[in-house]
Amino acid sequence: MVGAVGGLGGFLLPTLLGLVKQASGSFGPGFAVLAGLAVIALGVARALVAIEHGWRFGAERAPSAEAV
């Protein structure tokens, strides 16, 4: 499964960057699109973790010295 996704990414990403370079003359917009997709994937992953853990994710606070 990992190899298949890696192969797909190895084919699609260079193709996407090449098409964007032909259309705009620069790689910048292609990298911006890839960065946007990465941010969206991060948001989806965070939401899935939040749903799995009941919206409680992140570092737990250690009890403070005042509470002891």
Protein backbone atom coordinates (compact mmCIF):
# COMPACT_ATOMS: atom_id res chain seq x y z
CA MET A 1 0.00 0.00 0.00
CA VAL A 2 2.77 2.43 0.92
CA GLY A 3 4.66 1.57 -2.27
CA ALA A 4 1.54 2.14 -4.37
CA VAL A 5 0.91 5.55 -2.83
CA GLY A 6 4.58 6.45 -3.24
CA GLY A 7 4.49 5.43 -6.90
CA LEU A 8 1.34 7.46 -7.45
CA GLY A 9 2.90 10.50 -5.78
CA GLY A 10 6.09 10.01 -7.80
CA PHE A 11 4.01 10.20 -10.96
CA LEU A 12 1.42 12.85 -10.10
CA LEU A 13 3.55 15.46 -8.35
CA PRO A 14 6.12 15.96 -11.15
CA THR A 15 3.31 15.96 -13.71
CA LEU A 16 1.41 18.61 -11.73
CA LEU A 17 4.51 20.77 -11.34
CA GLY A 18 5.31 20.43 -15.07
CA LEU A 19 1.79 21.45 -16.09
CA VAL A 20 1.84 24.45 -13.77
CA LYS A 21 5.26 25.50 -15.09
CA GLN A 22 3.99 25.32 -18.68
CA ALA A 23 0.88 27.32 -17.82
CA SER A 24 2.50 30.00 -15.67
CA GLY A 25 6.20 29.91 -16.52
CA SER A 26 7.19 29.31 -12.90
CA PHE A 27 7.20 26.51 -10.35
CA GLY A 28 5.94 28.85 -7.59
CA PRO A 29 2.19 28.38 -8.12
CA GLY A 30 2.64 24.60 -8.23
CA PHE A 31 4.47 24.61 -4.92
CA ALA A 32 1.74 26.87 -3.49
CA VAL A 33 -0.91 24.35 -4.56
CA LEU A 34 1.08 21.50 -2.99
CA ALA A 35 1.50 23.50 0.23
CA GLY A 36 -2.24 24.16 0.31
CA LEU A 37 -2.96 20.46 -0.14
CA ALA A 38 -0.56 19.67 2.71
CA VAL A 39 -2.37 22.14 4.99
CA ILE A 40 -5.72 20.60 4.07
CA ALA A 41 -4.35 17.10 4.76
CA LEU A 42 -3.06 18.31 8.15
CA GLY A 43 -6.50 19.70 9.00
CA VAL A 44 -8.21 16.45 8.01
CA ALA A 45 -5.73 14.40 10.05
CA ARG A 46 -6.19 16.66 13.09
CA ALA A 47 -9.99 16.41 12.76
CA LEU A 48 -9.84 12.61 12.55
CA VAL A 49 -7.64 12.43 15.65
CA ALA A 50 -9.99 14.83 17.43
CA ILE A 51 -13.04 12.73 16.55
CA GLU A 52 -11.27 9.55 17.69
CA HIS A 53 -10.29 11.08 21.04
CA GLY A 54 -13.42 13.09 21.75
CA TRP A 55 -11.94 16.48 20.79
CA ARG A 56 -9.21 16.05 23.41
CA PHE A 57 -5.83 16.10 21.76
CA GLY A 58 -2.54 17.81 22.42
CA ALA A 59 -0.26 17.87 25.40
CA GLU A 60 -1.83 17.26 28.76
CA ARG A 61 -1.01 19.81 31.43
CA ALA A 62 1.03 18.70 34.37
CA PRO A 63 -0.41 19.65 37.75
CA SER A 64 0.94 22.99 38.88
CA ALA A 65 2.84 23.51 42.14
CA GLU A 66 -0.05 25.59 43.49
CA ALA A 67 -2.48 22.67 43.20
CA VAL A 68 -0.29 20.43 45.36
